[in-house]
Amino acid sequence: MDTEINFTERSYRMSQLILMLLTFAALTIMINFGPALSKVLFGLPIVVSGLLGVLGTVYMIRGMHEPLSEKKVIAITVNLAMVVLIVAILVSNTLYRL
């Protein structure tokens, strides 16, 4: 029963983790602890989600030969959206500092 997990399944699990981290970040904004603690509790899940999005996208590229399924579509959408979000954050912060 020790089956190997394919790339689509790995990427789908990462997209689930990304959605959980983003939900946690949204909840920390709603609860609104102190300003310093809120920055950490909001920023850390966003950065980790971005890294997981990049890693999930790499897994999706490796698993392109696998058949198309609902999990694959969800994983592609979430992972690429996180990659776009992180790139937009990095570009906006870079332009803001100039």
N, C-alpha and C. Protein backbone atom coordinates (compact mmCIF):
# COMPACT_ATOMS: atom_id res chain seq x y z
N MET A 1 0.81 -1.20 0.00
CA MET A 1 0.00 0.00 0.00
C MET A 1 0.85 1.26 0.00
N ASP A 2 2.14 1.13 -0.15
CA ASP A 2 3.03 2.29 -0.17
C ASP A 2 3.14 2.79 -1.60
N THR A 3 2.16 3.60 -2.02
CA THR A 3 2.16 4.11 -3.38
C THR A 3 2.93 5.43 -3.43
N GLU A 4 3.54 5.64 -4.57
CA GLU A 4 4.29 6.88 -4.76
C GLU A 4 3.32 8.02 -5.07
N ILE A 5 3.52 9.15 -4.44
CA ILE A 5 2.66 10.32 -4.67
C ILE A 5 3.14 11.02 -5.94
N ASN A 6 2.22 11.23 -6.88
CA ASN A 6 2.61 11.87 -8.14
C ASN A 6 2.72 13.38 -7.96
N PHE A 7 3.22 14.04 -8.99
CA PHE A 7 3.48 15.47 -8.91
C PHE A 7 2.20 16.29 -8.77
N THR A 8 1.13 15.84 -9.42
CA THR A 8 -0.14 16.56 -9.31
C THR A 8 -0.65 16.54 -7.87
N GLU A 9 -0.55 15.39 -7.22
CA GLU A 9 -1.02 15.28 -5.84
C GLU A 9 -0.18 16.16 -4.91
N ARG A 10 1.13 16.20 -5.12
CA ARG A 10 1.99 17.06 -4.30
C ARG A 10 1.62 18.53 -4.48
N SER A 11 1.42 18.92 -5.72
CA SER A 11 1.08 20.31 -6.00
C SER A 11 -0.29 20.65 -5.43
N TYR A 12 -1.23 19.71 -5.49
CA TYR A 12 -2.56 19.94 -4.93
C TYR A 12 -2.49 20.09 -3.41
N ARG A 13 -1.68 19.28 -2.75
CA ARG A 13 -1.52 19.41 -1.30
C ARG A 13 -0.90 20.75 -0.94
N MET A 14 0.04 21.21 -1.75
CA MET A 14 0.65 22.52 -1.49
C MET A 14 -0.38 23.63 -1.68
N SER A 15 -1.25 23.49 -2.67
CA SER A 15 -2.27 24.52 -2.87
C SER A 15 -3.26 24.54 -1.70
N GLN A 16 -3.56 23.37 -1.13
CA GLN A 16 -4.40 23.34 0.07
C GLN A 16 -3.72 24.05 1.23
N LEU A 17 -2.42 23.80 1.41
CA LEU A 17 -1.67 24.47 2.48
C LEU A 17 -1.60 25.97 2.25
N ILE A 18 -1.46 26.39 1.01
CA ILE A 18 -1.45 27.82 0.69
C ILE A 18 -2.77 28.46 1.09
N LEU A 19 -3.87 27.81 0.76
CA LEU A 19 -5.19 28.37 1.11
C LEU A 19 -5.38 28.43 2.62
N MET A 20 -4.87 27.44 3.34
CA MET A 20 -4.96 27.49 4.81
C MET A 20 -4.13 28.63 5.38
N LEU A 21 -2.92 28.83 4.84
CA LEU A 21 -2.07 29.92 5.32
C LEU A 21 -2.69 31.28 5.02
N LEU A 22 -3.30 31.42 3.86
CA LEU A 22 -3.95 32.70 3.52
C LEU A 22 -5.16 32.95 4.41
N THR A 23 -5.88 31.88 4.76
CA THR A 23 -7.00 32.02 5.69
C THR A 23 -6.50 32.46 7.07
N PHE A 24 -5.39 31.87 7.51
CA PHE A 24 -4.79 32.27 8.79
C PHE A 24 -4.38 33.74 8.76
N ALA A 25 -3.79 34.17 7.64
CA ALA A 25 -3.38 35.58 7.52
C ALA A 25 -4.58 36.51 7.58
N ALA A 26 -5.67 36.12 6.93
CA ALA A 26 -6.89 36.95 6.96
C ALA A 26 -7.48 37.00 8.37
N LEU A 27 -7.44 35.88 9.07
CA LEU A 27 -7.96 35.87 10.44
C LEU A 27 -7.13 36.74 11.37
N THR A 28 -5.82 36.76 11.18
CA THR A 28 -4.99 37.60 12.05
C THR A 28 -5.27 39.09 11.80
N ILE A 29 -5.63 39.44 10.58
CA ILE A 29 -5.99 40.83 10.31
C ILE A 29 -7.32 41.17 11.00
N MET A 30 -8.25 40.23 10.98
CA MET A 30 -9.56 40.48 11.61
C MET A 30 -9.44 40.57 13.13
N ILE A 31 -8.60 39.72 13.72
CA ILE A 31 -8.44 39.73 15.17
C ILE A 31 -7.66 40.95 15.61
N ASN A 32 -6.63 41.34 14.84
CA ASN A 32 -5.85 42.56 15.06
C ASN A 32 -5.22 42.62 16.45
N PHE A 33 -4.16 41.85 16.60
CA PHE A 33 -3.35 41.92 17.82
C PHE A 33 -2.60 43.25 17.81
N GLY A 34 -1.50 43.34 18.50
CA GLY A 34 -0.69 44.55 18.46
C GLY A 34 -0.09 44.76 17.08
N PRO A 35 0.32 45.99 16.75
CA PRO A 35 0.83 46.27 15.40
C PRO A 35 2.06 45.43 15.02
N ALA A 36 3.00 45.26 15.92
CA ALA A 36 4.21 44.51 15.60
C ALA A 36 3.88 43.03 15.41
N LEU A 37 3.07 42.50 16.29
CA LEU A 37 2.69 41.08 16.19
C LEU A 37 1.82 40.83 14.96
N SER A 38 0.96 41.76 14.62
CA SER A 38 0.11 41.61 13.44
C SER A 38 0.94 41.59 12.16
N LYS A 39 2.00 42.39 12.10
CA LYS A 39 2.86 42.38 10.92
C LYS A 39 3.48 41.02 10.71
N VAL A 40 3.96 40.42 11.79
CA VAL A 40 4.60 39.11 11.70
C VAL A 40 3.57 38.03 11.37
N LEU A 41 2.44 38.05 12.07
CA LEU A 41 1.42 37.02 11.85
C LEU A 41 0.74 37.15 10.50
N PHE A 42 0.79 38.32 9.88
CA PHE A 42 0.23 38.49 8.54
C PHE A 42 1.29 38.24 7.47
N GLY A 43 2.48 38.75 7.68
CA GLY A 43 3.51 38.67 6.64
C GLY A 43 4.12 37.29 6.47
N LEU A 44 4.33 36.60 7.57
CA LEU A 44 4.97 35.29 7.49
C LEU A 44 4.16 34.28 6.68
N PRO A 45 2.85 34.14 6.90
CA PRO A 45 2.10 33.20 6.06
C PRO A 45 2.07 33.59 4.58
N ILE A 46 2.11 34.88 4.29
CA ILE A 46 2.11 35.33 2.90
C ILE A 46 3.41 34.94 2.22
N VAL A 47 4.53 35.15 2.90
CA VAL A 47 5.83 34.79 2.32
C VAL A 47 5.95 33.28 2.16
N VAL A 48 5.54 32.53 3.16
CA VAL A 48 5.59 31.07 3.07
C VAL A 48 4.66 30.58 1.96
N SER A 49 3.51 31.20 1.81
CA SER A 49 2.60 30.82 0.72
C SER A 49 3.23 31.08 -0.64
N GLY A 50 3.96 32.17 -0.76
CA GLY A 50 4.64 32.46 -2.02
C GLY A 50 5.70 31.43 -2.35
N LEU A 51 6.46 31.03 -1.34
CA LEU A 51 7.47 30.00 -1.57
C LEU A 51 6.83 28.66 -1.93
N LEU A 52 5.75 28.33 -1.25
CA LEU A 52 5.03 27.09 -1.58
C LEU A 52 4.41 27.17 -2.97
N GLY A 53 3.98 28.36 -3.38
CA GLY A 53 3.44 28.54 -4.72
C GLY A 53 4.49 28.28 -5.79
N VAL A 54 5.70 28.76 -5.55
CA VAL A 54 6.79 28.51 -6.50
C VAL A 54 7.11 27.02 -6.55
N LEU A 55 7.21 26.40 -5.38
CA LEU A 55 7.51 24.97 -5.33
C LEU A 55 6.38 24.15 -5.97
N GLY A 56 5.13 24.52 -5.71
CA GLY A 56 4.00 23.84 -6.33
C GLY A 56 3.97 24.00 -7.83
N THR A 57 4.38 25.17 -8.32
CA THR A 57 4.46 25.39 -9.76
C THR A 57 5.53 24.51 -10.39
N VAL A 58 6.65 24.35 -9.70
CA VAL A 58 7.70 23.46 -10.19
C VAL A 58 7.19 22.03 -10.28
N TYR A 59 6.46 21.59 -9.25
CA TYR A 59 5.88 20.25 -9.29
C TYR A 59 4.87 20.12 -10.43
N MET A 60 4.11 21.18 -10.70
CA MET A 60 3.14 21.11 -11.80
C MET A 60 3.85 21.01 -13.14
N ILE A 61 4.94 21.70 -13.29
CA ILE A 61 5.69 21.62 -14.55
C ILE A 61 6.25 20.21 -14.72
N ARG A 62 6.74 19.61 -13.64
CA ARG A 62 7.23 18.24 -13.72
C ARG A 62 6.12 17.25 -14.01
N GLY A 63 4.91 17.55 -13.59
CA GLY A 63 3.79 16.63 -13.76
C GLY A 63 2.91 16.95 -14.95
N MET A 64 3.41 17.69 -15.92
CA MET A 64 2.60 18.04 -17.09
C MET A 64 2.18 16.83 -17.91
N HIS A 65 2.94 15.75 -17.82
CA HIS A 65 2.61 14.54 -18.58
C HIS A 65 1.45 13.77 -17.97
N GLU A 66 1.07 14.09 -16.74
CA GLU A 66 -0.03 13.39 -16.07
C GLU A 66 -1.37 13.87 -16.64
N PRO A 67 -2.39 13.02 -16.59
CA PRO A 67 -3.69 13.42 -17.17
C PRO A 67 -4.33 14.59 -16.42
N LEU A 68 -5.13 15.34 -17.15
CA LEU A 68 -5.80 16.52 -16.58
C LEU A 68 -6.93 16.07 -15.65
N SER A 69 -6.98 16.67 -14.47
CA SER A 69 -8.03 16.36 -13.50
C SER A 69 -8.42 17.65 -12.77
N GLU A 70 -9.43 17.53 -11.91
CA GLU A 70 -9.86 18.71 -11.15
C GLU A 70 -8.76 19.17 -10.20
N LYS A 71 -8.07 18.21 -9.60
CA LYS A 71 -6.98 18.56 -8.69
C LYS A 71 -5.89 19.33 -9.41
N LYS A 72 -5.60 18.92 -10.64
CA LYS A 72 -4.55 19.59 -11.39
C LYS A 72 -4.95 21.03 -11.74
N VAL A 73 -6.21 21.24 -12.09
CA VAL A 73 -6.69 22.58 -12.43
C VAL A 73 -6.66 23.48 -11.20
N ILE A 74 -7.11 22.96 -10.06
CA ILE A 74 -7.09 23.74 -8.82
C ILE A 74 -5.66 24.08 -8.43
N ALA A 75 -4.77 23.09 -8.52
CA ALA A 75 -3.37 23.31 -8.15
C ALA A 75 -2.71 24.33 -9.06
N ILE A 76 -2.95 24.25 -10.35
CA ILE A 76 -2.37 25.22 -11.28
C ILE A 76 -2.86 26.63 -10.95
N THR A 77 -4.16 26.77 -10.72
CA THR A 77 -4.74 28.08 -10.45
C THR A 77 -4.18 28.70 -9.17
N VAL A 78 -4.18 27.93 -8.08
CA VAL A 78 -3.73 28.47 -6.79
C VAL A 78 -2.23 28.75 -6.82
N ASN A 79 -1.44 27.81 -7.33
CA ASN A 79 0.01 28.00 -7.31
C ASN A 79 0.45 29.16 -8.19
N LEU A 80 -0.11 29.25 -9.40
CA LEU A 80 0.27 30.36 -10.27
C LEU A 80 -0.24 31.70 -9.74
N ALA A 81 -1.40 31.70 -9.09
CA ALA A 81 -1.89 32.94 -8.48
C ALA A 81 -0.95 33.41 -7.37
N MET A 82 -0.42 32.48 -6.59
CA MET A 82 0.53 32.86 -5.53
C MET A 82 1.83 33.37 -6.12
N VAL A 83 2.29 32.75 -7.20
CA VAL A 83 3.51 33.23 -7.85
C VAL A 83 3.31 34.65 -8.36
N VAL A 84 2.17 34.92 -8.99
CA VAL A 84 1.88 36.27 -9.49
C VAL A 84 1.78 37.25 -8.33
N LEU A 85 1.14 36.85 -7.22
CA LEU A 85 1.01 37.72 -6.05
C LEU A 85 2.37 38.06 -5.46
N ILE A 86 3.24 37.08 -5.31
CA ILE A 86 4.56 37.35 -4.74
C ILE A 86 5.39 38.23 -5.66
N VAL A 87 5.32 37.99 -6.96
CA VAL A 87 6.06 38.83 -7.91
C VAL A 87 5.53 40.27 -7.84
N ALA A 88 4.21 40.42 -7.76
CA ALA A 88 3.62 41.76 -7.66
C ALA A 88 4.05 42.46 -6.37
N ILE A 89 4.10 41.72 -5.27
CA ILE A 89 4.56 42.30 -4.00
C ILE A 89 6.01 42.73 -4.10
N LEU A 90 6.85 41.88 -4.66
CA LEU A 90 8.27 42.23 -4.79
C LEU A 90 8.48 43.43 -5.70
N VAL A 91 7.77 43.47 -6.81
CA VAL A 91 7.91 44.61 -7.74
C VAL A 91 7.40 45.89 -7.11
N SER A 92 6.26 45.83 -6.44
CA SER A 92 5.71 47.05 -5.84
C SER A 92 6.60 47.56 -4.71
N ASN A 93 7.18 46.66 -3.92
CA ASN A 93 8.09 47.09 -2.87
C ASN A 93 9.37 47.67 -3.44
N THR A 94 9.83 47.09 -4.54
CA THR A 94 11.05 47.61 -5.18
C THR A 94 10.79 49.00 -5.76
N LEU A 95 9.66 49.18 -6.43
CA LEU A 95 9.34 50.49 -7.01
C LEU A 95 9.06 51.52 -5.93
N TYR A 96 8.48 51.09 -4.81
CA TYR A 96 8.17 52.01 -3.73
C TYR A 96 9.45 52.54 -3.09
N ARG A 97 10.46 51.73 -3.02
CA ARG A 97 11.70 52.13 -2.37
C ARG A 97 12.60 52.98 -3.25
N LEU A 98 12.30 53.05 -4.55
CA LEU A 98 13.13 53.87 -5.46
C LEU A 98 12.90 55.32 -5.29
